[in-house]
Each structure stands twice: as structure tokens, then as C-alpha cells.
């Protein structure tokens, strides 16, 4: 049986980003609200106290909606900052996004080092929300091409529950994968919660 021709990662990125761009802003906002509420109901989220989130940019899921809820529930929130010397992500505890964050790389809001406590033990993180361009129902994740999260997760001895928040249009049949690509366990969309089958 002939193998299906693989679409390249850059082609998938281009296609999905274009589709996401076409969603009207109010639709994106409504979807983000629904996804944030679904995330809060996830038992894996409810049973943890230390969370890794991210600040959204462009047309992706509006994670700040969810982050506001996480902080309101009194959970510990870690956010990433790109370290330009190591080309890796450093994590910082954030309690007050307005005061502790500033626009960094690509205009993404990230922790201000002087105003945040650095996460010294990465293993404290129990639940991680990962950004991405595209996902499959088996948990394959296509990021933006920097490999930042794969490198971060490789540094953790104990892996947190890995979850993605995405719009339904970001779910694909298949995505080319490398050995270093980390899969997510759950994907939450505006329509459903997907338990990824390895």
C-alpha cells in the first residue's frame, strides 16, 4: 500500500496560520472563552497547584483569558522567557501579569527578570499548557519552529501533564515528527476535549 505523501512542516504551518488568520476576531474570542472554561474543568488541571502557561500572540488561543482564571484560583503560575544566551526557555513565577510582564521576542509578553522569582526546580510544574500551530488526535504537536518547548521538557526529570489548547481547524490527520518532538496528552478545542491516543 503506498504511503501517503507527507506534507512538510513549513507547508503545514503556512496553511494553518492562514486559516487561523481568517477567523473573525470575535469568533476567536468566543472560542478562546469556551476553551478556557473547558481547561478549568479538566480534572488534571483541578488536581494540580503549579501550572506552566504561556502568553499568546497573533491569532492563537487567547491564553491570557485562562491565565487570569488560574491566578484567581490561587494556583502557582510559571511563564516562559526566551534566554538569548542559551536559546532556551527560562521559567518564572508570575503573580501579577500587569506588573511582572513586558513585551519581548516577537512582541510576546514575558516575565521581567528583576520582578519575578525564577523557577529553580522545573519538576514543581505539574500541568503544562503548550502552544502550537497544529496537532493530531494522537498528540503530535507542530510548534513555531524554535524547538523551545521540546528542549524545555527534555530538561524535566518528571514530566507534567501536557495539554494543548487549539481551535478545531488546527487539528490535522498527520504531522511529520522527529524523535525529539514531544507529544501532548490532551487537546482542548472549542468543540471537544481529546484524550490523545499514543
C-alpha atoms as a PDB file:
ATOM      1  CA  UNK A   1       0.000   0.000   0.000  1.00  0.00           C
ATOM      2  CA  UNK A   2       1.608   3.336  -0.983  1.00  0.00           C
ATOM      3  CA  UNK A   3       2.404   5.708   1.898  1.00  0.00           C
ATOM      4  CA  UNK A   4       0.561   8.999   1.923  1.00  0.00           C
ATOM      5  CA  UNK A   5       2.761  11.853   0.719  1.00  0.00           C
ATOM      6  CA  UNK A   6       3.978  13.774   3.764  1.00  0.00           C
ATOM      7  CA  UNK A   7       3.309  17.488   3.823  1.00  0.00           C
ATOM      8  CA  UNK A   8       6.330  19.392   5.133  1.00  0.00           C
ATOM      9  CA  UNK A   9       6.234  21.209   8.483  1.00  0.00           C
ATOM     10  CA  UNK A  10       6.681  24.672   6.873  1.00  0.00           C
ATOM     11  CA  UNK A  11       3.763  23.956   4.492  1.00  0.00           C
ATOM     12  CA  UNK A  12       1.501  22.876   7.370  1.00  0.00           C
ATOM     13  CA  UNK A  13       2.494  25.959   9.385  1.00  0.00           C
ATOM     14  CA  UNK A  14       1.696  28.263   6.470  1.00  0.00           C
ATOM     15  CA  UNK A  15      -1.667  26.622   5.822  1.00  0.00           C
ATOM     16  CA  UNK A  16      -2.866  26.553   9.459  1.00  0.00           C
ATOM     17  CA  UNK A  17      -1.666  30.078  10.237  1.00  0.00           C
ATOM     18  CA  UNK A  18      -3.555  31.340   7.171  1.00  0.00           C
ATOM     19  CA  UNK A  19      -6.727  29.503   8.297  1.00  0.00           C
ATOM     20  CA  UNK A  20      -6.397  30.916  11.799  1.00  0.00           C
ATOM     21  CA  UNK A  21      -5.929  34.405  10.371  1.00  0.00           C
ATOM     22  CA  UNK A  22      -9.252  34.080   8.550  1.00  0.00           C
ATOM     23  CA  UNK A  23     -11.225  33.524  11.773  1.00  0.00           C
ATOM     24  CA  UNK A  24     -13.005  36.770  12.711  1.00  0.00           C
ATOM     25  CA  UNK A  25     -11.636  38.299  15.942  1.00  0.00           C
ATOM     26  CA  UNK A  26     -14.958  37.892  17.760  1.00  0.00           C
ATOM     27  CA  UNK A  27     -15.119  34.192  16.792  1.00  0.00           C
ATOM     28  CA  UNK A  28     -11.576  33.671  18.084  1.00  0.00           C
ATOM     29  CA  UNK A  29     -12.517  35.439  21.331  1.00  0.00           C
ATOM     30  CA  UNK A  30     -15.646  33.279  21.778  1.00  0.00           C
ATOM     31  CA  UNK A  31     -13.706  30.064  21.021  1.00  0.00           C
ATOM     32  CA  UNK A  32     -10.973  31.112  23.469  1.00  0.00           C
ATOM     33  CA  UNK A  33     -13.540  31.695  26.206  1.00  0.00           C
ATOM     34  CA  UNK A  34     -15.058  28.226  25.652  1.00  0.00           C
ATOM     35  CA  UNK A  35     -11.608  26.575  25.615  1.00  0.00           C
ATOM     36  CA  UNK A  36     -10.555  28.401  28.806  1.00  0.00           C
ATOM     37  CA  UNK A  37     -13.694  27.147  30.579  1.00  0.00           C
ATOM     38  CA  UNK A  38     -13.058  23.590  29.371  1.00  0.00           C
ATOM     39  CA  UNK A  39      -9.465  23.792  30.633  1.00  0.00           C
ATOM     40  CA  UNK A  40     -10.681  24.820  34.102  1.00  0.00           C
ATOM     41  CA  UNK A  41     -12.931  21.730  34.223  1.00  0.00           C
ATOM     42  CA  UNK A  42     -10.118  19.337  33.318  1.00  0.00           C
ATOM     43  CA  UNK A  43      -9.502  17.069  36.390  1.00  0.00           C
ATOM     44  CA  UNK A  44      -5.766  17.063  35.600  1.00  0.00           C
ATOM     45  CA  UNK A  45      -5.847  20.848  35.966  1.00  0.00           C
ATOM     46  CA  UNK A  46      -8.058  20.913  39.061  1.00  0.00           C
ATOM     47  CA  UNK A  47      -5.816  18.449  40.927  1.00  0.00           C
ATOM     48  CA  UNK A  48      -2.611  20.469  40.467  1.00  0.00           C
ATOM     49  CA  UNK A  49      -1.238  23.532  42.183  1.00  0.00           C
ATOM     50  CA  UNK A  50       1.687  24.577  39.931  1.00  0.00           C
ATOM     51  CA  UNK A  51       0.909  25.394  36.308  1.00  0.00           C
ATOM     52  CA  UNK A  52       3.017  26.321  33.286  1.00  0.00           C
ATOM     53  CA  UNK A  53       1.212  28.664  30.903  1.00  0.00           C
ATOM     54  CA  UNK A  54       2.217  30.979  28.059  1.00  0.00           C
ATOM     55  CA  UNK A  55       1.214  34.393  26.806  1.00  0.00           C
ATOM     56  CA  UNK A  56      -0.487  34.265  23.422  1.00  0.00           C
ATOM     57  CA  UNK A  57       0.417  36.260  20.354  1.00  0.00           C
ATOM     58  CA  UNK A  58      -1.081  36.740  16.917  1.00  0.00           C
ATOM     59  CA  UNK A  59      -4.187  34.720  16.196  1.00  0.00           C
ATOM     60  CA  UNK A  60      -3.668  31.845  18.645  1.00  0.00           C
ATOM     61  CA  UNK A  61      -5.902  30.797  21.547  1.00  0.00           C
ATOM     62  CA  UNK A  62      -6.156  33.804  23.907  1.00  0.00           C
ATOM     63  CA  UNK A  63      -4.339  32.164  26.819  1.00  0.00           C
ATOM     64  CA  UNK A  64      -4.470  35.343  28.921  1.00  0.00           C
ATOM     65  CA  UNK A  65      -8.204  34.647  29.471  1.00  0.00           C
ATOM     66  CA  UNK A  66      -7.232  31.339  31.082  1.00  0.00           C
ATOM     67  CA  UNK A  67      -4.217  32.761  32.947  1.00  0.00           C
ATOM     68  CA  UNK A  68      -6.450  35.314  34.682  1.00  0.00           C
ATOM     69  CA  UNK A  69      -8.636  32.419  35.899  1.00  0.00           C
ATOM     70  CA  UNK A  70      -5.589  30.366  37.023  1.00  0.00           C
ATOM     71  CA  UNK A  71      -4.336  33.255  39.182  1.00  0.00           C
ATOM     72  CA  UNK A  72      -7.837  33.945  40.528  1.00  0.00           C
ATOM     73  CA  UNK A  73      -7.940  30.314  41.761  1.00  0.00           C
ATOM     74  CA  UNK A  74      -4.716  30.873  43.704  1.00  0.00           C
ATOM     75  CA  UNK A  75      -2.595  28.404  41.738  1.00  0.00           C
ATOM     76  CA  UNK A  76       1.124  28.987  41.190  1.00  0.00           C
ATOM     77  CA  UNK A  77       1.726  30.157  37.624  1.00  0.00           C
ATOM     78  CA  UNK A  78       5.010  29.824  35.754  1.00  0.00           C
ATOM     79  CA  UNK A  79       5.552  31.684  32.472  1.00  0.00           C
ATOM     80  CA  UNK A  80       8.421  31.287  29.999  1.00  0.00           C
ATOM     81  CA  UNK A  81      11.031  33.792  28.880  1.00  0.00           C
ATOM     82  CA  UNK A  82      13.437  33.190  25.980  1.00  0.00           C
ATOM     83  CA  UNK A  83      17.034  33.223  27.195  1.00  0.00           C
ATOM     84  CA  UNK A  84      19.027  34.572  24.238  1.00  0.00           C
ATOM     85  CA  UNK A  85      22.347  33.293  25.624  1.00  0.00           C
ATOM     86  CA  UNK A  86      21.263  29.654  25.928  1.00  0.00           C
ATOM     87  CA  UNK A  87      18.498  29.772  23.285  1.00  0.00           C
ATOM     88  CA  UNK A  88      16.259  28.009  25.795  1.00  0.00           C
ATOM     89  CA  UNK A  89      13.229  28.923  27.881  1.00  0.00           C
ATOM     90  CA  UNK A  90      13.698  30.056  31.473  1.00  0.00           C
ATOM     91  CA  UNK A  91      10.607  29.845  33.683  1.00  0.00           C
ATOM     92  CA  UNK A  92       9.500  32.440  36.250  1.00  0.00           C
ATOM     93  CA  UNK A  93       6.704  32.511  38.816  1.00  0.00           C
ATOM     94  CA  UNK A  94       4.209  35.266  37.987  1.00  0.00           C
ATOM     95  CA  UNK A  95       1.516  36.630  40.329  1.00  0.00           C
ATOM     96  CA  UNK A  96       0.751  39.981  38.710  1.00  0.00           C
ATOM     97  CA  UNK A  97       0.978  39.943  34.878  1.00  0.00           C
ATOM     98  CA  UNK A  98       0.372  43.702  34.594  1.00  0.00           C
ATOM     99  CA  UNK A  99       3.408  44.477  36.750  1.00  0.00           C
ATOM    100  CA  UNK A 100       5.663  41.497  36.030  1.00  0.00           C
ATOM    101  CA  UNK A 101       5.421  41.117  32.227  1.00  0.00           C
ATOM    102  CA  UNK A 102       6.702  43.166  29.287  1.00  0.00           C
ATOM    103  CA  UNK A 103       6.723  42.620  25.516  1.00  0.00           C
ATOM    104  CA  UNK A 104       9.763  40.593  24.495  1.00  0.00           C
ATOM    105  CA  UNK A 105      10.656  38.474  21.483  1.00  0.00           C
ATOM    106  CA  UNK A 106       8.076  38.793  18.656  1.00  0.00           C
ATOM    107  CA  UNK A 107       6.066  41.094  20.916  1.00  0.00           C
ATOM    108  CA  UNK A 108       5.095  38.199  23.223  1.00  0.00           C
ATOM    109  CA  UNK A 109       4.691  39.364  26.829  1.00  0.00           C
ATOM    110  CA  UNK A 110       7.249  37.628  29.023  1.00  0.00           C
ATOM    111  CA  UNK A 111       8.470  37.840  32.630  1.00  0.00           C
ATOM    112  CA  UNK A 112      10.698  40.774  33.636  1.00  0.00           C
ATOM    113  CA  UNK A 113      13.641  39.042  35.341  1.00  0.00           C
ATOM    114  CA  UNK A 114      14.025  41.700  38.065  1.00  0.00           C
ATOM    115  CA  UNK A 115      10.357  41.459  39.051  1.00  0.00           C
ATOM    116  CA  UNK A 116       9.897  37.672  39.159  1.00  0.00           C
ATOM    117  CA  UNK A 117      11.228  34.720  41.072  1.00  0.00           C
ATOM    118  CA  UNK A 118      12.895  32.184  38.810  1.00  0.00           C
ATOM    119  CA  UNK A 119      11.539  28.620  38.873  1.00  0.00           C
ATOM    120  CA  UNK A 120      14.518  26.784  40.333  1.00  0.00           C
ATOM    121  CA  UNK A 121      13.043  23.276  40.273  1.00  0.00           C
ATOM    122  CA  UNK A 122      11.379  22.582  36.909  1.00  0.00           C
ATOM    123  CA  UNK A 123       9.811  19.459  38.434  1.00  0.00           C
ATOM    124  CA  UNK A 124       7.497  21.662  40.502  1.00  0.00           C
ATOM    125  CA  UNK A 125       5.383  22.180  37.372  1.00  0.00           C
ATOM    126  CA  UNK A 126       2.549  19.630  37.366  1.00  0.00           C
ATOM    127  CA  UNK A 127       0.419  20.826  34.438  1.00  0.00           C
ATOM    128  CA  UNK A 128       1.775  22.457  31.274  1.00  0.00           C
ATOM    129  CA  UNK A 129      -0.236  24.223  28.593  1.00  0.00           C
ATOM    130  CA  UNK A 130       1.817  24.143  25.390  1.00  0.00           C
ATOM    131  CA  UNK A 131       1.376  26.470  22.425  1.00  0.00           C
ATOM    132  CA  UNK A 132       1.449  25.132  18.875  1.00  0.00           C
ATOM    133  CA  UNK A 133       0.377  25.666  15.294  1.00  0.00           C
ATOM    134  CA  UNK A 134      -1.107  22.226  14.586  1.00  0.00           C
ATOM    135  CA  UNK A 135      -1.863  18.973  16.412  1.00  0.00           C
ATOM    136  CA  UNK A 136      -3.069  15.451  15.652  1.00  0.00           C
ATOM    137  CA  UNK A 137      -5.512  13.387  17.716  1.00  0.00           C
ATOM    138  CA  UNK A 138      -2.552  11.166  18.633  1.00  0.00           C
ATOM    139  CA  UNK A 139      -0.899  14.123  20.347  1.00  0.00           C
ATOM    140  CA  UNK A 140       1.674  15.106  17.726  1.00  0.00           C
ATOM    141  CA  UNK A 141       2.435  18.823  18.031  1.00  0.00           C
ATOM    142  CA  UNK A 142       3.823  21.244  15.472  1.00  0.00           C
ATOM    143  CA  UNK A 143       5.291  24.344  17.121  1.00  0.00           C
ATOM    144  CA  UNK A 144       6.554  27.551  15.572  1.00  0.00           C
ATOM    145  CA  UNK A 145       9.905  26.032  14.648  1.00  0.00           C
ATOM    146  CA  UNK A 146      12.182  27.078  17.520  1.00  0.00           C
ATOM    147  CA  UNK A 147      12.060  23.759  19.403  1.00  0.00           C
ATOM    148  CA  UNK A 148      11.896  25.733  22.671  1.00  0.00           C
ATOM    149  CA  UNK A 149       9.313  23.535  24.404  1.00  0.00           C
ATOM    150  CA  UNK A 150      10.857  20.231  23.311  1.00  0.00           C
ATOM    151  CA  UNK A 151      14.171  21.427  24.818  1.00  0.00           C
ATOM    152  CA  UNK A 152      12.447  22.617  27.998  1.00  0.00           C
ATOM    153  CA  UNK A 153      10.621  19.317  28.526  1.00  0.00           C
ATOM    154  CA  UNK A 154      13.830  17.372  27.899  1.00  0.00           C
ATOM    155  CA  UNK A 155      15.286  19.165  30.954  1.00  0.00           C
ATOM    156  CA  UNK A 156      12.499  17.941  33.255  1.00  0.00           C
ATOM    157  CA  UNK A 157      13.042  14.696  35.190  1.00  0.00           C
ATOM    158  CA  UNK A 158       9.334  14.391  35.917  1.00  0.00           C
ATOM    159  CA  UNK A 159       7.099  15.338  33.054  1.00  0.00           C
ATOM    160  CA  UNK A 160       3.968  17.376  33.851  1.00  0.00           C
ATOM    161  CA  UNK A 161       0.569  16.651  32.268  1.00  0.00           C
ATOM    162  CA  UNK A 162       0.936  18.116  28.757  1.00  0.00           C
ATOM    163  CA  UNK A 163      -2.113  19.863  27.358  1.00  0.00           C
ATOM    164  CA  UNK A 164      -2.755  21.946  24.242  1.00  0.00           C
ATOM    165  CA  UNK A 165      -5.488  24.495  23.663  1.00  0.00           C
ATOM    166  CA  UNK A 166      -6.307  24.827  19.982  1.00  0.00           C
ATOM    167  CA  UNK A 167      -9.075  25.714  17.589  1.00  0.00           C
ATOM    168  CA  UNK A 168     -10.710  22.781  15.804  1.00  0.00           C
ATOM    169  CA  UNK A 169      -9.178  23.971  12.490  1.00  0.00           C
ATOM    170  CA  UNK A 170      -5.693  23.265  13.927  1.00  0.00           C
ATOM    171  CA  UNK A 171      -6.340  19.515  14.222  1.00  0.00           C
ATOM    172  CA  UNK A 172      -4.725  17.553  11.376  1.00  0.00           C
ATOM    173  CA  UNK A 173      -4.671  13.939  10.270  1.00  0.00           C
ATOM    174  CA  UNK A 174      -0.884  13.702  10.466  1.00  0.00           C
ATOM    175  CA  UNK A 175       2.198  15.825  11.093  1.00  0.00           C
ATOM    176  CA  UNK A 176       5.794  14.799  10.351  1.00  0.00           C
ATOM    177  CA  UNK A 177       7.579  14.036  13.635  1.00  0.00           C
ATOM    178  CA  UNK A 178      11.187  13.833  14.779  1.00  0.00           C
ATOM    179  CA  UNK A 179      12.432  11.744  17.691  1.00  0.00           C
ATOM    180  CA  UNK A 180      12.809  14.892  19.828  1.00  0.00           C
ATOM    181  CA  UNK A 181       9.209  16.071  19.244  1.00  0.00           C
ATOM    182  CA  UNK A 182       7.174  15.813  22.441  1.00  0.00           C
ATOM    183  CA  UNK A 183       3.546  14.728  22.219  1.00  0.00           C
ATOM    184  CA  UNK A 184       0.683  16.226  24.236  1.00  0.00           C
ATOM    185  CA  UNK A 185      -1.738  14.079  26.270  1.00  0.00           C
ATOM    186  CA  UNK A 186      -4.820  16.244  25.888  1.00  0.00           C
ATOM    187  CA  UNK A 187      -6.096  18.747  23.325  1.00  0.00           C
ATOM    188  CA  UNK A 188      -8.924  21.099  24.261  1.00  0.00           C
ATOM    189  CA  UNK A 189     -10.784  22.746  21.370  1.00  0.00           C
ATOM    190  CA  UNK A 190     -13.921  24.881  21.264  1.00  0.00           C
ATOM    191  CA  UNK A 191     -15.850  21.705  20.354  1.00  0.00           C
ATOM    192  CA  UNK A 192     -14.332  18.886  22.388  1.00  0.00           C
ATOM    193  CA  UNK A 193     -11.725  17.521  24.752  1.00  0.00           C
ATOM    194  CA  UNK A 194      -9.465  14.999  23.023  1.00  0.00           C
ATOM    195  CA  UNK A 195      -7.605  12.362  25.034  1.00  0.00           C
ATOM    196  CA  UNK A 196      -4.675  11.663  22.731  1.00  0.00           C
ATOM    197  CA  UNK A 197      -4.072   8.007  21.944  1.00  0.00           C
ATOM    198  CA  UNK A 198      -0.361   7.302  21.682  1.00  0.00           C
END
